[in-house]
Structure formats: structure tokens, C-alpha cells
Amino acid sequence: MRRDVFQAIADPTRRAIILLIAVQAMTPNAIAEHFDMSRQAVSKHLRILTECELVKQEQSGREIFYQLNGNKMQEIDKWLEQFRKLWEGRFNELDKVLLTIKSKKK
């Protein structure tokens, strides 16, 4: 089953993993140390993040390091941008209403 980025970030554990590896590339064992779950459970989350290309694997000797794929994060940012614009517009309208109310009270 092919997942998209939004399915991947819907899970709080996967969002926490993304935050961890955004700072530095980490091995699955290093990631698992931050969670109260089995190494296998962490691997399942990493597999989902890898399938939707939010994280990349890099082999270094015998270790596999996971790192954030910034390009894929831009897909999320682009989608969120439409909501930023919507809310900015609404807040601007609210500001106008509040200024009108304030000036009428004077």
C-alpha cells in the first residue's frame, strides 16, 4: 500500500521521529532509544516514512542512517500555505472590524 505524506504525519510517533531526524541523521536504534516501544515498532514507522519519501536512508558501513527529506517536506508546506493565506485574510478582516468598533466607541 502506497501512503502519502499526510497519512505519514497523521501519527504522533512519526511526527516525533521527523523532529528527531530533522536535527541529525540517526540509526533506527538511536531513534528507538527516544520511545517507549520496541525497535520493530520504530522500524515500522520508519518504513512508512520511507515509503512516502519523508525520510531517506543512507548506508554508512554496517549502519543505516535515516535523515529528513527536505524536498518532500515542501509538499506539506505548499499544502498548508493555502490555509495560511485564508487565515491571514480572516485575521485582517477581524482587525478591520475591531478598529471600526474601537473608533465608534470614541
Protein backbone atom coordinates (compact mmCIF):
# COMPACT_ATOMS: atom_id res chain seq x y z
CA MET A 1 0.00 0.00 0.00
CA ARG A 2 1.44 3.35 -1.06
CA ARG A 3 0.98 6.04 1.56
CA ASP A 4 1.09 9.78 1.10
CA VAL A 5 2.86 12.29 3.32
CA PHE A 6 -0.34 13.28 5.09
CA GLN A 7 -1.05 9.72 6.19
CA ALA A 8 2.50 9.51 7.46
CA ILE A 9 2.39 12.70 9.52
CA ALA A 10 -1.03 11.85 10.93
CA ASP A 11 0.67 9.66 13.54
CA PRO A 12 2.23 11.47 16.53
CA THR A 13 5.09 8.97 16.79
CA ARG A 14 6.08 9.57 13.18
CA ARG A 15 5.93 13.33 13.72
CA ALA A 16 8.24 12.88 16.72
CA ILE A 17 10.63 10.79 14.60
CA ILE A 18 10.64 13.53 11.96
CA LEU A 19 11.58 16.09 14.62
CA LEU A 20 14.42 13.87 15.84
CA ILE A 21 15.99 13.28 12.46
CA ALA A 22 15.45 16.88 11.33
CA VAL A 23 18.32 17.77 13.67
CA GLN A 24 20.67 14.97 12.61
CA ALA A 25 20.65 11.65 10.78
CA MET A 26 20.11 8.74 13.14
CA THR A 27 20.17 4.96 13.17
CA PRO A 28 16.99 3.03 14.00
CA ASN A 29 18.47 2.03 17.37
CA ALA A 30 19.27 5.65 18.23
CA ILE A 31 15.74 6.65 17.27
CA ALA A 32 14.21 3.79 19.28
CA GLU A 33 16.00 5.00 22.42
CA HIS A 34 13.71 8.03 22.43
CA PHE A 35 10.50 5.99 22.55
CA ASP A 36 8.84 3.53 24.87
CA MET A 37 8.28 0.93 22.16
CA SER A 38 10.11 -1.93 20.53
CA ARG A 39 12.77 -1.49 17.89
CA GLN A 40 10.44 -3.33 15.49
CA ALA A 41 7.65 -0.79 16.10
CA VAL A 42 10.06 2.06 15.37
CA SER A 43 11.16 0.25 12.19
CA LYS A 44 7.53 0.05 11.07
CA HIS A 45 7.19 3.81 11.48
CA LEU A 46 10.46 4.37 9.61
CA ARG A 47 9.26 2.12 6.79
CA ILE A 48 6.10 4.22 6.41
CA LEU A 49 8.10 7.46 6.44
CA THR A 50 10.47 6.00 3.86
CA GLU A 51 7.63 4.76 1.62
CA CYS A 52 6.20 8.25 1.34
CA GLU A 53 9.72 9.69 0.92
CA LEU A 54 9.69 11.92 4.01
CA VAL A 55 12.90 10.27 5.15
CA LYS A 56 15.86 8.90 3.24
CA GLN A 57 18.13 6.02 4.15
CA GLU A 58 21.87 6.26 3.85
CA GLN A 59 24.17 3.30 4.37
CA SER A 60 27.38 4.03 6.25
CA GLY A 61 29.37 0.88 6.80
CA ARG A 62 27.11 -1.58 8.59
CA GLU A 63 24.74 1.11 9.82
CA ILE A 64 21.73 2.64 8.13
CA PHE A 65 21.09 6.28 8.93
CA TYR A 66 17.74 7.96 8.44
CA GLN A 67 17.60 11.61 7.50
CA LEU A 68 14.83 14.03 6.66
CA ASN A 69 13.98 14.63 3.01
CA GLY A 70 13.50 18.41 2.96
CA ASN A 71 12.14 18.39 -0.57
CA LYS A 72 9.21 16.23 0.45
CA MET A 73 8.53 18.47 3.47
CA GLN A 74 7.98 21.30 0.98
CA GLU A 75 4.95 19.39 -0.33
CA ILE A 76 3.38 19.69 3.13
CA ASP A 77 4.34 23.35 3.39
CA LYS A 78 2.82 24.11 -0.01
CA TRP A 79 -0.46 22.50 1.02
CA LEU A 80 -0.51 24.41 4.32
CA GLU A 81 0.19 27.71 2.55
CA GLN A 82 -3.38 27.90 1.26
CA PHE A 83 -4.64 27.81 4.85
CA ARG A 84 -2.11 30.43 5.98
CA LYS A 85 -3.44 32.79 3.31
CA LEU A 86 -7.03 32.04 4.25
CA TRP A 87 -6.45 32.71 7.95
CA GLU A 88 -4.35 35.82 7.30
CA GLY A 89 -7.25 37.20 5.28
CA ARG A 90 -9.72 36.42 8.05
CA PHE A 91 -7.50 37.97 10.70
CA ASN A 92 -7.11 41.10 8.56
CA GLU A 93 -10.90 41.34 8.26
CA LEU A 94 -11.25 40.89 12.03
CA ASP A 95 -8.70 43.67 12.58
CA LYS A 96 -10.79 45.99 10.39
CA VAL A 97 -13.97 45.16 12.33
CA LEU A 98 -12.25 45.70 15.67
CA LEU A 99 -10.81 49.03 14.54
CA THR A 100 -14.27 50.12 13.37
CA ILE A 101 -15.79 49.18 16.74
CA LYS A 102 -12.99 50.94 18.60
CA SER A 103 -13.38 54.15 16.58
CA LYS A 104 -17.18 54.17 17.12
CA LYS A 105 -16.70 54.00 20.91
CA LYS A 106 -14.62 57.20 20.89
